[in-house]
Amino acid sequence: MSLADEYDVDVTFYHRDGTIYVDTRANASERLLALLDDLGLDRHSSLDDVWHQVPDEMDEIAMKAMADRAAPLLAHAGYRLGTDTGLFGGTAYRAELAAQSAHRQPPTPAPHPVRPRRTR
């Protein structure tokens, strides 16, 4: 059982020993795993366990920036996320949220109710 399974989310981000890990459910789709690959995260596996992590050669600021960009994209794709407190919220995270808001279609205004005309 993965941490994502334990927390009942599709993807969970956590920070341990200087590395940011990205854990998915044990039965994660190849589509989700490929999306994490495409976001620049390194895929690792051991026996039946698969996880991703931010590349080790990155410094702490670059690791957080990469995770900050990945989280909103995953949420926008419809995945439920769990995260360590304080892991997100940096400049890259806020910029990605703003970019997504700019591309979002405005809601359709509700039609005005037609009032019957008064006649005398």
Protein backbone atom coordinates (compact mmCIF):
# COMPACT_ATOMS: atom_id res chain seq x y z
CA MET A 1 0.00 0.00 0.00
CA SER A 2 1.33 3.43 -0.94
CA LEU A 3 1.05 6.72 0.95
CA ALA A 4 -1.44 7.92 -1.67
CA ASP A 5 -3.59 4.88 -0.86
CA GLU A 6 -3.29 5.58 2.87
CA TYR A 7 -4.31 9.25 2.43
CA ASP A 8 -7.06 8.34 -0.11
CA VAL A 9 -5.66 10.61 -2.84
CA ASP A 10 -4.32 9.97 -6.34
CA VAL A 11 -0.95 11.63 -5.76
CA THR A 12 0.85 12.69 -2.60
CA PHE A 13 3.90 14.94 -2.41
CA TYR A 14 6.19 14.70 0.60
CA HIS A 15 9.62 15.93 1.58
CA ARG A 16 12.06 13.57 3.28
CA ASP A 17 15.83 13.56 3.64
CA GLY A 18 16.33 16.51 1.28
CA THR A 19 14.26 15.00 -1.54
CA ILE A 20 10.70 15.64 -2.70
CA TYR A 21 8.88 12.37 -3.42
CA VAL A 22 5.69 11.93 -5.41
CA ASP A 23 3.74 8.81 -4.51
CA THR A 24 0.77 7.46 -6.46
CA ARG A 25 -1.81 4.82 -5.69
CA ALA A 26 -0.64 1.22 -6.01
CA ASN A 27 -2.84 0.76 -9.09
CA ALA A 28 -2.02 4.12 -10.72
CA SER A 29 -2.76 4.32 -14.43
CA GLU A 30 0.07 4.46 -16.92
CA ARG A 31 -1.44 7.79 -18.03
CA LEU A 32 -0.77 9.31 -14.59
CA LEU A 33 2.71 7.79 -14.37
CA ALA A 34 3.55 9.12 -17.86
CA LEU A 35 2.25 12.57 -16.89
CA LEU A 36 4.60 12.60 -13.90
CA ASP A 37 7.44 11.54 -16.22
CA ASP A 38 6.54 14.36 -18.62
CA LEU A 39 6.62 16.88 -15.76
CA GLY A 40 10.32 16.05 -15.31
CA LEU A 41 10.01 13.78 -12.27
CA ASP A 42 12.23 10.69 -12.11
CA ARG A 43 10.37 7.35 -12.01
CA HIS A 44 11.71 4.66 -9.65
CA SER A 45 10.51 1.18 -8.85
CA SER A 46 11.23 -1.65 -6.47
CA LEU A 47 9.36 -4.94 -6.72
CA ASP A 48 5.72 -3.87 -7.16
CA ASP A 49 6.24 -0.33 -5.85
CA VAL A 50 6.48 2.67 -8.23
CA TRP A 51 7.18 6.25 -7.16
CA HIS A 52 8.52 9.47 -8.60
CA GLN A 53 10.84 12.03 -7.15
CA VAL A 54 12.29 15.37 -8.07
CA PRO A 55 15.73 14.74 -9.64
CA ASP A 56 18.47 14.46 -6.99
CA GLU A 57 20.89 16.77 -8.80
CA MET A 58 18.59 19.77 -8.23
CA ASP A 59 19.13 22.15 -5.35
CA GLU A 60 16.38 22.75 -2.78
CA ILE A 61 14.98 25.85 -4.51
CA ALA A 62 14.81 24.14 -7.92
CA MET A 63 13.20 21.04 -6.36
CA LYS A 64 10.47 23.11 -4.73
CA ALA A 65 9.92 25.12 -7.93
CA MET A 66 9.46 21.90 -9.92
CA ALA A 67 6.99 20.53 -7.37
CA ASP A 68 5.22 23.92 -7.27
CA ARG A 69 4.64 23.73 -11.03
CA ALA A 70 3.58 20.06 -11.02
CA ALA A 71 0.92 20.21 -8.30
CA PRO A 72 -1.50 22.65 -9.99
CA LEU A 73 -1.12 20.86 -13.32
CA LEU A 74 -2.03 17.53 -11.72
CA ALA A 75 -4.99 19.10 -9.91
CA HIS A 76 -6.15 20.73 -13.15
CA ALA A 77 -5.97 17.30 -14.84
CA GLY A 78 -8.45 16.05 -12.23
CA TYR A 79 -6.18 14.22 -9.81
CA ARG A 80 -6.70 14.51 -6.05
CA LEU A 81 -3.52 15.62 -4.27
CA GLY A 82 -2.11 15.30 -0.80
CA THR A 83 0.90 17.33 0.28
CA ASP A 84 3.19 17.93 3.22
CA THR A 85 2.40 21.19 5.00
CA GLY A 86 4.58 24.04 3.77
CA LEU A 87 5.82 22.22 0.68
CA PHE A 88 3.93 24.40 -1.80
CA GLY A 89 3.09 28.04 -2.19
CA GLY A 90 6.25 29.44 -3.75
CA THR A 91 6.50 31.76 -6.72
CA ALA A 92 6.29 28.96 -9.32
CA TYR A 93 3.14 27.59 -7.68
CA ARG A 94 1.41 30.97 -7.68
CA ALA A 95 2.50 31.65 -11.28
CA GLU A 96 1.10 28.31 -12.45
CA LEU A 97 -2.22 28.95 -10.71
CA ALA A 98 -2.40 32.41 -12.32
CA ALA A 99 -1.63 30.96 -15.76
CA GLN A 100 -4.38 28.37 -15.36
CA SER A 101 -6.85 31.04 -14.26
CA ALA A 102 -5.99 33.14 -17.31
CA HIS A 103 -6.79 30.23 -19.64
CA ARG A 104 -10.01 29.26 -17.89
CA GLN A 105 -13.24 30.14 -19.68
CA PRO A 106 -15.38 32.63 -17.77
CA PRO A 107 -18.64 31.18 -16.49
CA THR A 108 -21.67 31.63 -18.69
CA PRO A 109 -23.92 34.30 -17.21
CA ALA A 110 -27.29 33.12 -16.02
CA PRO A 111 -30.14 34.16 -18.30
CA HIS A 112 -32.25 37.01 -17.02
CA PRO A 113 -35.79 35.92 -16.25
CA VAL A 114 -38.32 37.31 -18.64
CA ARG A 115 -40.90 39.40 -16.87
CA PRO A 116 -44.32 39.68 -18.32
CA ARG A 117 -45.13 43.18 -19.47
CA ARG A 118 -47.81 45.02 -17.68
CA THR A 119 -50.63 46.17 -19.83
CA ARG A 120 -53.65 48.27 -18.95
